[in-house]
Amino acid sequence: MWEIIARRTLLAASVLLAVFLGYLLVRNADSVPTNRPVVPEAMEQADAKLSEFTFKQSKGDVVQWQVQAKQARVFEQEQQAFLQDVALTFYGEEGEKVTVYGDEGTLDTASKDFALSNRDVPVIVTTRSGYTIYTNHLVWTDKSREIRTEDPVRIVGHGLEIRGLGLLGKMESEEFEVLRDVHVDLVPAS
């Protein structure tokens, strides 16, 4: 008798788990990616197509950051530039710099915000203090001067490896916060 009750309980639990997993699959299948590539037809309708594109953000005579790309397609009305083979350089107050590379990016020419992503390998940010951040998508918000991602992130340095989902960071002070599902491991210092 107890075997029948145990089997029915396990069957009911399995059905509930399958329904829950099905719900998650359907819910997440409808999510929109944060950085959609532009279709080739739209690229052909750009207001300007540039090779060796450079865009600098300055405060007075001091350059705060610079975006360089091998190719850019600029859409003036949308105030967007779609970039290929991108190098983004942040400049510190004492002349130090941090450069980040990406396969593609989007620059909002009005707000000066941009997104950077890679197709095959992670975007790599090496900080002045010796930490290296790996993620596949990175967004810069110029007004708050922060980098952010909702994607998986890994930070390595000074004998630590930190993994999790999402990142919020201030480039000037090099303060970074992994937002969720944080795992920290001690690793041999190299």
N, C-alpha and C. Protein backbone atom coordinates (compact mmCIF):
# COMPACT_ATOMS: atom_id res chain seq x y z
N MET A 1 0.81 -1.19 0.00
CA MET A 1 0.00 0.00 0.00
C MET A 1 0.86 1.27 0.00
N TRP A 2 1.88 1.29 0.88
CA TRP A 2 2.74 2.48 0.95
C TRP A 2 3.54 2.66 -0.33
N GLU A 3 3.83 1.56 -1.05
CA GLU A 3 4.55 1.66 -2.33
C GLU A 3 3.70 2.38 -3.37
N ILE A 4 2.40 2.12 -3.38
CA ILE A 4 1.51 2.78 -4.33
C ILE A 4 1.45 4.28 -4.02
N ILE A 5 1.37 4.64 -2.76
CA ILE A 5 1.33 6.04 -2.36
C ILE A 5 2.64 6.73 -2.74
N ALA A 6 3.77 6.07 -2.50
CA ALA A 6 5.08 6.65 -2.86
C ALA A 6 5.20 6.84 -4.36
N ARG A 7 4.75 5.86 -5.16
CA ARG A 7 4.82 5.98 -6.62
C ARG A 7 3.95 7.12 -7.12
N ARG A 8 2.74 7.24 -6.57
CA ARG A 8 1.83 8.31 -7.00
C ARG A 8 2.39 9.68 -6.60
N THR A 9 3.00 9.75 -5.43
CA THR A 9 3.61 11.01 -4.98
C THR A 9 4.76 11.40 -5.89
N LEU A 10 5.61 10.44 -6.23
CA LEU A 10 6.73 10.71 -7.14
C LEU A 10 6.23 11.09 -8.53
N LEU A 11 5.17 10.43 -9.01
CA LEU A 11 4.60 10.75 -10.32
C LEU A 11 4.04 12.18 -10.31
N ALA A 12 3.33 12.54 -9.26
CA ALA A 12 2.77 13.89 -9.16
C ALA A 12 3.89 14.93 -9.10
N ALA A 13 4.95 14.66 -8.34
CA ALA A 13 6.08 15.58 -8.27
C ALA A 13 6.75 15.72 -9.63
N SER A 14 6.89 14.62 -10.37
CA SER A 14 7.50 14.66 -11.70
C SER A 14 6.66 15.49 -12.66
N VAL A 15 5.34 15.34 -12.60
CA VAL A 15 4.44 16.11 -13.47
C VAL A 15 4.55 17.59 -13.13
N LEU A 16 4.53 17.93 -11.85
CA LEU A 16 4.66 19.33 -11.44
C LEU A 16 6.00 19.92 -11.90
N LEU A 17 7.08 19.18 -11.77
CA LEU A 17 8.38 19.64 -12.21
C LEU A 17 8.41 19.84 -13.72
N ALA A 18 7.82 18.93 -14.48
CA ALA A 18 7.77 19.06 -15.95
C ALA A 18 6.96 20.29 -16.35
N VAL A 19 5.84 20.54 -15.68
CA VAL A 19 5.03 21.72 -15.99
C VAL A 19 5.81 23.00 -15.68
N PHE A 20 6.50 23.02 -14.54
CA PHE A 20 7.30 24.19 -14.17
C PHE A 20 8.42 24.43 -15.17
N LEU A 21 9.13 23.40 -15.57
CA LEU A 21 10.21 23.55 -16.55
C LEU A 21 9.67 24.01 -17.89
N GLY A 22 8.51 23.49 -18.29
CA GLY A 22 7.86 23.94 -19.53
C GLY A 22 7.51 25.41 -19.46
N TYR A 23 6.98 25.85 -18.31
CA TYR A 23 6.66 27.27 -18.12
C TYR A 23 7.91 28.13 -18.26
N LEU A 24 9.01 27.74 -17.61
CA LEU A 24 10.26 28.50 -17.70
C LEU A 24 10.77 28.56 -19.13
N LEU A 25 10.67 27.46 -19.84
CA LEU A 25 11.14 27.42 -21.22
C LEU A 25 10.33 28.37 -22.10
N VAL A 26 9.01 28.36 -21.95
CA VAL A 26 8.16 29.25 -22.74
C VAL A 26 8.39 30.70 -22.36
N ARG A 27 8.50 30.98 -21.08
CA ARG A 27 8.71 32.35 -20.60
C ARG A 27 10.03 32.92 -21.10
N ASN A 28 11.10 32.15 -21.04
CA ASN A 28 12.41 32.64 -21.45
C ASN A 28 12.59 32.62 -22.96
N ALA A 29 11.82 31.86 -23.68
CA ALA A 29 11.92 31.83 -25.14
C ALA A 29 11.43 33.14 -25.74
N ASP A 30 10.55 33.86 -25.03
CA ASP A 30 10.02 35.12 -25.53
C ASP A 30 10.88 36.31 -25.19
N SER A 31 11.95 36.13 -24.41
CA SER A 31 12.76 37.27 -23.99
C SER A 31 13.53 37.83 -25.18
N VAL A 32 13.72 39.13 -25.15
CA VAL A 32 14.39 39.84 -26.24
C VAL A 32 15.85 40.02 -25.87
N PRO A 33 16.80 39.71 -26.77
CA PRO A 33 18.20 39.93 -26.45
C PRO A 33 18.48 41.42 -26.26
N THR A 34 19.45 41.73 -25.39
CA THR A 34 19.74 43.13 -25.06
C THR A 34 20.52 43.84 -26.16
N ASN A 35 21.16 43.11 -27.03
CA ASN A 35 21.95 43.75 -28.07
C ASN A 35 21.73 43.02 -29.38
N ARG A 36 20.69 43.40 -30.11
CA ARG A 36 20.39 42.75 -31.36
C ARG A 36 21.26 43.30 -32.48
N PRO A 37 21.83 42.43 -33.30
CA PRO A 37 22.60 42.95 -34.43
C PRO A 37 21.67 43.57 -35.46
N VAL A 38 22.19 44.51 -36.20
CA VAL A 38 21.42 45.17 -37.23
C VAL A 38 21.40 44.30 -38.47
N VAL A 39 20.23 44.18 -39.10
CA VAL A 39 20.13 43.38 -40.31
C VAL A 39 20.87 44.08 -41.44
N PRO A 40 21.46 43.33 -42.39
CA PRO A 40 22.25 43.95 -43.45
C PRO A 40 21.49 45.00 -44.25
N GLU A 41 20.18 44.80 -44.47
CA GLU A 41 19.41 45.79 -45.24
C GLU A 41 19.40 47.13 -44.52
N ALA A 42 19.27 47.11 -43.18
CA ALA A 42 19.26 48.34 -42.42
C ALA A 42 20.63 49.01 -42.47
N MET A 43 21.69 48.22 -42.50
CA MET A 43 23.03 48.79 -42.57
C MET A 43 23.21 49.56 -43.88
N GLU A 44 22.59 49.07 -44.94
CA GLU A 44 22.72 49.74 -46.23
C GLU A 44 21.98 51.08 -46.26
N GLN A 45 21.02 51.27 -45.35
CA GLN A 45 20.24 52.50 -45.32
C GLN A 45 20.85 53.54 -44.38
N ALA A 46 22.04 53.32 -43.90
CA ALA A 46 22.68 54.25 -42.97
C ALA A 46 22.91 55.60 -43.63
N ASP A 47 22.88 56.67 -42.79
CA ASP A 47 23.14 58.01 -43.30
C ASP A 47 24.61 58.19 -43.67
N ALA A 48 25.49 57.49 -42.96
CA ALA A 48 26.93 57.57 -43.25
C ALA A 48 27.57 56.23 -42.95
N LYS A 49 28.51 55.83 -43.80
CA LYS A 49 29.31 54.63 -43.61
C LYS A 49 30.76 55.08 -43.52
N LEU A 50 31.39 54.74 -42.40
CA LEU A 50 32.73 55.24 -42.17
C LEU A 50 33.71 54.11 -41.92
N SER A 51 34.93 54.30 -42.37
CA SER A 51 36.03 53.42 -42.01
C SER A 51 36.89 54.17 -41.00
N GLU A 52 37.49 53.44 -40.06
CA GLU A 52 38.35 54.05 -39.03
C GLU A 52 37.62 55.15 -38.28
N PHE A 53 36.50 54.80 -37.66
CA PHE A 53 35.66 55.70 -36.89
C PHE A 53 36.28 55.96 -35.51
N THR A 54 36.29 57.21 -35.05
CA THR A 54 36.75 57.57 -33.71
C THR A 54 35.77 58.56 -33.10
N PHE A 55 35.41 58.31 -31.84
CA PHE A 55 34.50 59.19 -31.11
C PHE A 55 35.09 59.39 -29.72
N LYS A 56 35.29 60.66 -29.31
CA LYS A 56 35.89 60.95 -28.00
C LYS A 56 34.91 61.70 -27.13
N GLN A 57 34.92 61.36 -25.84
CA GLN A 57 34.15 62.10 -24.84
C GLN A 57 35.15 62.85 -23.97
N SER A 58 35.03 64.16 -23.94
CA SER A 58 35.97 64.99 -23.18
C SER A 58 35.25 65.83 -22.15
N LYS A 59 35.99 66.19 -21.12
CA LYS A 59 35.52 67.15 -20.13
C LYS A 59 36.60 68.23 -20.10
N GLY A 60 36.28 69.38 -20.67
CA GLY A 60 37.29 70.41 -20.87
C GLY A 60 38.28 69.94 -21.91
N ASP A 61 39.56 69.98 -21.59
CA ASP A 61 40.60 69.52 -22.50
C ASP A 61 41.01 68.07 -22.24
N VAL A 62 40.38 67.42 -21.25
CA VAL A 62 40.77 66.07 -20.86
C VAL A 62 39.83 65.04 -21.50
N VAL A 63 40.41 64.09 -22.23
CA VAL A 63 39.62 63.01 -22.84
C VAL A 63 39.29 62.00 -21.75
N GLN A 64 37.99 61.71 -21.57
CA GLN A 64 37.55 60.75 -20.56
C GLN A 64 37.52 59.33 -21.11
N TRP A 65 37.01 59.18 -22.34
CA TRP A 65 37.01 57.88 -23.01
C TRP A 65 36.96 58.10 -24.51
N GLN A 66 37.33 57.03 -25.22
CA GLN A 66 37.38 57.10 -26.67
C GLN A 66 36.93 55.76 -27.25
N VAL A 67 36.10 55.82 -28.29
CA VAL A 67 35.67 54.63 -29.01
C VAL A 67 36.30 54.69 -30.39
N GLN A 68 36.95 53.60 -30.80
CA GLN A 68 37.49 53.48 -32.15
C GLN A 68 36.90 52.22 -32.77
N ALA A 69 36.59 52.29 -34.05
CA ALA A 69 36.04 51.12 -34.75
C ALA A 69 36.58 51.10 -36.17
N LYS A 70 36.76 49.88 -36.69
CA LYS A 70 37.22 49.75 -38.08
C LYS A 70 36.14 50.21 -39.04
N GLN A 71 34.87 49.94 -38.69
CA GLN A 71 33.75 50.37 -39.53
C GLN A 71 32.62 50.89 -38.66
N ALA A 72 31.89 51.88 -39.18
CA ALA A 72 30.73 52.42 -38.47
C ALA A 72 29.64 52.76 -39.47
N ARG A 73 28.43 52.52 -39.06
CA ARG A 73 27.25 52.93 -39.82
C ARG A 73 26.48 53.87 -38.90
N VAL A 74 26.29 55.12 -39.35
CA VAL A 74 25.67 56.14 -38.52
C VAL A 74 24.26 56.42 -39.02
N PHE A 75 23.32 56.43 -38.09
CA PHE A 75 21.93 56.76 -38.37
C PHE A 75 21.62 58.03 -37.59
N GLU A 76 21.60 59.17 -38.30
CA GLU A 76 21.49 60.47 -37.63
C GLU A 76 20.16 60.64 -36.92
N GLN A 77 19.05 60.30 -37.54
CA GLN A 77 17.74 60.52 -36.93
C GLN A 77 17.57 59.68 -35.66
N GLU A 78 18.07 58.45 -35.67
CA GLU A 78 17.99 57.58 -34.50
C GLU A 78 19.09 57.89 -33.49
N GLN A 79 20.05 58.71 -33.87
CA GLN A 79 21.21 59.07 -33.05
C GLN A 79 21.97 57.83 -32.59
N GLN A 80 22.20 56.92 -33.54
CA GLN A 80 22.88 55.66 -33.27
C GLN A 80 24.02 55.46 -34.26
N ALA A 81 25.09 54.85 -33.76
CA ALA A 81 26.18 54.41 -34.62
C ALA A 81 26.40 52.93 -34.32
N PHE A 82 26.38 52.10 -35.35
CA PHE A 82 26.63 50.67 -35.21
C PHE A 82 28.06 50.40 -35.64
N LEU A 83 28.84 49.79 -34.75
CA LEU A 83 30.28 49.69 -34.91
C LEU A 83 30.73 48.24 -35.08
N GLN A 84 31.81 48.04 -35.84
CA GLN A 84 32.43 46.73 -36.02
C GLN A 84 33.90 46.83 -35.63
N ASP A 85 34.43 45.78 -34.98
CA ASP A 85 35.83 45.73 -34.54
C ASP A 85 36.15 46.97 -33.69
N VAL A 86 35.67 46.96 -32.47
CA VAL A 86 35.65 48.13 -31.60
C VAL A 86 36.75 48.06 -30.53
N ALA A 87 37.38 49.19 -30.26
CA ALA A 87 38.30 49.36 -29.13
C ALA A 87 37.79 50.55 -28.33
N LEU A 88 37.53 50.31 -27.06
CA LEU A 88 37.02 51.35 -26.16
C LEU A 88 38.09 51.59 -25.10
N THR A 89 38.53 52.84 -24.97
CA THR A 89 39.58 53.17 -24.01
C THR A 89 39.05 54.18 -23.00
N PHE A 90 39.18 53.83 -21.70
CA PHE A 90 38.86 54.74 -20.60
C PHE A 90 40.17 55.34 -20.11
N TYR A 91 40.18 56.67 -19.89
CA TYR A 91 41.38 57.35 -19.42
C TYR A 91 41.19 57.79 -17.98
N GLY A 92 42.20 57.50 -17.14
CA GLY A 92 42.18 57.91 -15.74
C GLY A 92 42.75 59.29 -15.56
N GLU A 93 42.60 59.80 -14.35
CA GLU A 93 43.07 61.16 -14.05
C GLU A 93 44.58 61.29 -14.09
N GLU A 94 45.30 60.20 -13.84
CA GLU A 94 46.76 60.26 -13.78
C GLU A 94 47.41 59.67 -15.03
N GLY A 95 46.69 59.67 -16.15
CA GLY A 95 47.25 59.21 -17.40
C GLY A 95 47.12 57.72 -17.66
N GLU A 96 46.64 56.95 -16.69
CA GLU A 96 46.47 55.52 -16.91
C GLU A 96 45.25 55.30 -17.81
N LYS A 97 45.23 54.14 -18.47
CA LYS A 97 44.11 53.85 -19.36
C LYS A 97 43.76 52.37 -19.29
N VAL A 98 42.49 52.09 -19.59
CA VAL A 98 41.97 50.73 -19.67
C VAL A 98 41.31 50.60 -21.03
N THR A 99 41.72 49.61 -21.81
CA THR A 99 41.16 49.40 -23.14
C THR A 99 40.39 48.09 -23.18
N VAL A 100 39.20 48.12 -23.78
CA VAL A 100 38.32 46.98 -23.91
C VAL A 100 38.04 46.79 -25.40
N TYR A 101 38.08 45.54 -25.86
CA TYR A 101 37.87 45.24 -27.28
C TYR A 101 36.58 44.44 -27.46
N GLY A 102 35.89 44.70 -28.58
CA GLY A 102 34.67 43.96 -28.89
C GLY A 102 34.50 43.79 -30.38
N ASP A 103 33.77 42.75 -30.76
CA ASP A 103 33.48 42.51 -32.18
C ASP A 103 32.53 43.56 -32.73
N GLU A 104 31.53 43.94 -31.92
CA GLU A 104 30.55 44.91 -32.39
C GLU A 104 30.06 45.76 -31.22
N GLY A 105 29.53 46.92 -31.57
CA GLY A 105 29.04 47.82 -30.54
C GLY A 105 28.02 48.78 -31.10
N THR A 106 27.32 49.43 -30.19
CA THR A 106 26.32 50.43 -30.53
C THR A 106 26.60 51.66 -29.69
N LEU A 107 26.68 52.82 -30.33
CA LEU A 107 26.91 54.08 -29.64
C LEU A 107 25.70 54.97 -29.83
N ASP A 108 25.14 55.45 -28.72
CA ASP A 108 24.06 56.44 -28.77
C ASP A 108 24.76 57.80 -28.79
N THR A 109 24.71 58.49 -29.92
CA THR A 109 25.47 59.72 -30.08
C THR A 109 24.88 60.88 -29.28
N ALA A 110 23.65 60.76 -28.81
CA ALA A 110 23.04 61.82 -27.98
C ALA A 110 23.42 61.65 -26.51
N SER A 111 23.19 60.46 -25.96
CA SER A 111 23.45 60.24 -24.53
C SER A 111 24.90 59.84 -24.25
N LYS A 112 25.63 59.43 -25.27
CA LYS A 112 27.01 58.93 -25.16
C LYS A 112 27.08 57.57 -24.47
N ASP A 113 25.98 56.86 -24.42
CA ASP A 113 25.95 55.50 -23.89
C ASP A 113 26.34 54.55 -25.02
N PHE A 114 26.91 53.40 -24.68
CA PHE A 114 27.21 52.42 -25.70
C PHE A 114 27.16 51.02 -25.14
N ALA A 115 27.03 50.07 -26.06
CA ALA A 115 27.04 48.65 -25.72
C ALA A 115 28.15 48.01 -26.53
N LEU A 116 28.80 47.01 -25.95
CA LEU A 116 29.91 46.32 -26.58
C LEU A 116 29.70 44.83 -26.39
N SER A 117 29.90 44.04 -27.45
CA SER A 117 29.73 42.59 -27.31
C SER A 117 30.68 41.85 -28.24
N ASN A 118 30.88 40.59 -27.91
CA ASN A 118 31.69 39.68 -28.71
C ASN A 118 30.86 38.48 -29.09
N ARG A 119 31.15 37.91 -30.24
CA ARG A 119 30.42 36.73 -30.70
C ARG A 119 30.99 35.44 -30.12
N ASP A 120 32.31 35.29 -30.13
CA ASP A 120 32.92 34.00 -29.79
C ASP A 120 33.66 33.98 -28.46
N VAL A 121 34.37 35.03 -28.15
CA VAL A 121 35.16 35.07 -26.92
C VAL A 121 34.62 36.20 -26.04
N PRO A 122 34.87 36.15 -24.74
CA PRO A 122 34.33 37.20 -23.87
C PRO A 122 34.97 38.57 -24.11
N VAL A 123 34.22 39.59 -23.77
CA VAL A 123 34.77 40.94 -23.67
C VAL A 123 35.65 40.92 -22.42
N ILE A 124 36.86 41.44 -22.53
CA ILE A 124 37.81 41.38 -21.42
C ILE A 124 38.15 42.80 -20.98
N VAL A 125 37.96 43.06 -19.68
CA VAL A 125 38.32 44.35 -19.08
C VAL A 125 39.42 44.07 -18.07
N THR A 126 40.60 44.65 -18.27
CA THR A 126 41.70 44.52 -17.33
C THR A 126 41.83 45.83 -16.58
N THR A 127 41.61 45.79 -15.27
CA THR A 127 41.61 47.02 -14.48
C THR A 127 43.03 47.40 -14.07
N ARG A 128 43.20 48.65 -13.68
CA ARG A 128 44.50 49.15 -13.23
C ARG A 128 44.97 48.43 -11.97
N SER A 129 44.02 47.97 -11.15
CA SER A 129 44.37 47.34 -9.88
C SER A 129 44.68 45.85 -10.01
N GLY A 130 44.64 45.30 -11.25
CA GLY A 130 45.07 43.93 -11.46
C GLY A 130 43.98 42.89 -11.56
N TYR A 131 42.73 43.29 -11.67
CA TYR A 131 41.64 42.34 -11.85
C TYR A 131 41.28 42.28 -13.34
N THR A 132 40.84 41.10 -13.79
CA THR A 132 40.39 40.94 -15.16
C THR A 132 38.94 40.49 -15.12
N ILE A 133 38.08 41.19 -15.87
CA ILE A 133 36.65 40.90 -15.92
C ILE A 133 36.34 40.31 -17.29
N TYR A 134 35.59 39.19 -17.30
CA TYR A 134 35.19 38.52 -18.53
C TYR A 134 33.66 38.48 -18.60
N THR A 135 33.09 38.92 -19.71
CA THR A 135 31.65 38.82 -19.96
C THR A 135 31.44 38.92 -21.47
N ASN A 136 30.26 38.55 -21.94
CA ASN A 136 30.06 38.60 -23.39
C ASN A 136 29.34 39.87 -23.87
N HIS A 137 28.88 40.69 -22.93
CA HIS A 137 28.15 41.90 -23.30
C HIS A 137 28.36 42.94 -22.21
N LEU A 138 28.63 44.17 -22.60
CA LEU A 138 28.92 45.22 -21.63
C LEU A 138 28.24 46.51 -22.09
N VAL A 139 27.61 47.22 -21.16
CA VAL A 139 26.94 48.48 -21.47
C VAL A 139 27.55 49.59 -20.63
N TRP A 140 27.87 50.72 -21.27
CA TRP A 140 28.39 51.90 -20.58
C TRP A 140 27.28 52.94 -20.54
N THR A 141 27.00 53.47 -19.35
CA THR A 141 26.06 54.57 -19.18
C THR A 141 26.87 55.80 -18.81
N ASP A 142 26.92 56.76 -19.71
CA ASP A 142 27.82 57.90 -19.53
C ASP A 142 27.37 58.81 -18.39
N LYS A 143 26.08 59.03 -18.23
CA LYS A 143 25.59 59.94 -17.19
C LYS A 143 26.02 59.48 -15.80
N SER A 144 25.89 58.18 -15.51
CA SER A 144 26.28 57.65 -14.20
C SER A 144 27.72 57.13 -14.20
N ARG A 145 28.34 57.10 -15.38
CA ARG A 145 29.73 56.64 -15.55
C ARG A 145 29.92 55.23 -15.01
N GLU A 146 29.01 54.33 -15.43
CA GLU A 146 29.01 52.95 -14.96
C GLU A 146 29.02 51.98 -16.13
N ILE A 147 29.63 50.81 -15.89
CA ILE A 147 29.48 49.70 -16.81
C ILE A 147 28.51 48.72 -16.18
N ARG A 148 27.78 47.99 -17.03
CA ARG A 148 26.77 47.07 -16.53
C ARG A 148 26.59 45.93 -17.53
N THR A 149 26.25 44.77 -16.99
CA THR A 149 25.80 43.64 -17.80
C THR A 149 24.84 42.83 -16.96
N GLU A 150 23.93 42.15 -17.61
CA GLU A 150 23.03 41.21 -16.95
C GLU A 150 23.48 39.78 -17.25
N ASP A 151 24.51 39.63 -18.05
CA ASP A 151 24.99 38.33 -18.49
C ASP A 151 25.95 37.71 -17.47
N PRO A 152 26.33 36.45 -17.68
CA PRO A 152 27.33 35.83 -16.80
C PRO A 152 28.63 36.64 -16.81
N VAL A 153 29.27 36.68 -15.66
CA VAL A 153 30.50 37.46 -15.51
C VAL A 153 31.48 36.65 -14.67
N ARG A 154 32.76 36.84 -14.96
CA ARG A 154 33.83 36.20 -14.20
C ARG A 154 34.91 37.25 -13.94
N ILE A 155 35.36 37.36 -12.69
CA ILE A 155 36.41 38.31 -12.31
C ILE A 155 37.55 37.50 -11.70
N VAL A 156 38.78 37.72 -12.20
CA VAL A 156 39.94 36.97 -11.73
C VAL A 156 41.03 37.96 -11.34
N GLY A 157 41.68 37.71 -10.20
CA GLY A 157 42.80 38.53 -9.78
C GLY A 157 43.08 38.42 -8.30
N HIS A 158 44.33 38.61 -7.94
CA HIS A 158 44.77 38.63 -6.54
C HIS A 158 44.34 37.38 -5.78
N GLY A 159 44.42 36.23 -6.44
CA GLY A 159 44.12 34.96 -5.79
C GLY A 159 42.64 34.65 -5.67
N LEU A 160 41.78 35.39 -6.36
CA LEU A 160 40.34 35.16 -6.32
C LEU A 160 39.78 34.92 -7.71
N GLU A 161 38.76 34.09 -7.78
CA GLU A 161 37.95 33.98 -8.99
C GLU A 161 36.50 34.12 -8.55
N ILE A 162 35.84 35.15 -9.07
CA ILE A 162 34.46 35.46 -8.71
C ILE A 162 33.60 35.25 -9.94
N ARG A 163 32.56 34.45 -9.80
CA ARG A 163 31.63 34.18 -10.90
C ARG A 163 30.22 34.53 -10.46
N GLY A 164 29.39 34.94 -11.41
CA GLY A 164 28.01 35.24 -11.09
C GLY A 164 27.27 35.77 -12.30
N LEU A 165 26.08 36.29 -12.04
CA LEU A 165 25.25 36.87 -13.09
C LEU A 165 25.11 38.36 -12.84
N GLY A 166 25.39 39.14 -13.85
CA GLY A 166 25.23 40.58 -13.77
C GLY A 166 26.42 41.26 -13.11
N LEU A 167 26.67 42.49 -13.53
CA LEU A 167 27.78 43.28 -13.00
C LEU A 167 27.39 44.74 -13.06
N LEU A 168 27.75 45.47 -12.02
CA LEU A 168 27.62 46.91 -12.00
C LEU A 168 28.95 47.45 -11.52
N GLY A 169 29.55 48.37 -12.28
CA GLY A 169 30.87 48.84 -11.90
C GLY A 169 31.11 50.29 -12.24
N LYS A 170 31.90 50.93 -11.43
CA LYS A 170 32.34 52.30 -11.67
C LYS A 170 33.80 52.24 -12.11
N MET A 171 34.07 52.68 -13.33
CA MET A 171 35.41 52.57 -13.89
C MET A 171 36.41 53.47 -13.16
N GLU A 172 35.99 54.67 -12.78
CA GLU A 172 36.93 55.61 -12.16
C GLU A 172 37.46 55.09 -10.82
N SER A 173 36.57 54.57 -9.97
CA SER A 173 36.99 54.09 -8.66
C SER A 173 37.30 52.60 -8.66
N GLU A 174 37.03 51.93 -9.77
CA GLU A 174 37.23 50.49 -9.91
C GLU A 174 36.49 49.71 -8.81
N GLU A 175 35.25 50.09 -8.58
CA GLU A 175 34.37 49.38 -7.66
C GLU A 175 33.39 48.58 -8.51
N PHE A 176 33.41 47.26 -8.34
CA PHE A 176 32.57 46.38 -9.14
C PHE A 176 31.75 45.49 -8.23
N GLU A 177 30.49 45.28 -8.61
CA GLU A 177 29.59 44.45 -7.83
C GLU A 177 28.98 43.39 -8.75
N VAL A 178 29.16 42.12 -8.39
CA VAL A 178 28.49 41.03 -9.09
C VAL A 178 27.09 40.96 -8.47
N LEU A 179 26.05 40.98 -9.31
CA LEU A 179 24.70 41.22 -8.82
C LEU A 179 23.98 40.00 -8.25
N ARG A 180 24.15 38.80 -8.84
CA ARG A 180 23.40 37.63 -8.38
C ARG A 180 24.22 36.37 -8.54
N ASP A 181 23.79 35.35 -7.83
CA ASP A 181 24.35 34.00 -7.96
C ASP A 181 25.88 34.03 -7.88
N VAL A 182 26.39 34.66 -6.84
CA VAL A 182 27.83 34.90 -6.70
C VAL A 182 28.53 33.69 -6.11
N HIS A 183 29.64 33.29 -6.75
CA HIS A 183 30.50 32.21 -6.26
C HIS A 183 31.93 32.73 -6.24
N VAL A 184 32.61 32.54 -5.12
CA VAL A 184 33.98 33.01 -4.97
C VAL A 184 34.87 31.81 -4.66
N ASP A 185 35.94 31.67 -5.43
CA ASP A 185 36.92 30.61 -5.22
C ASP A 185 38.30 31.22 -5.02
N LEU A 186 39.09 30.61 -4.16
CA LEU A 186 40.49 30.99 -4.01
C LEU A 186 41.28 30.23 -5.06
N VAL A 187 42.13 30.93 -5.79
CA VAL A 187 42.94 30.30 -6.83
C VAL A 187 44.39 30.70 -6.60
N PRO A 188 45.32 29.89 -7.06
CA PRO A 188 46.74 30.26 -6.90
C PRO A 188 47.01 31.58 -7.62
N ALA A 189 47.68 32.49 -6.95
CA ALA A 189 48.06 33.76 -7.56
C ALA A 189 49.09 33.53 -8.64
N SER A 190 48.91 34.20 -9.78
CA SER A 190 49.87 34.01 -10.88
C SER A 190 50.79 35.18 -11.00
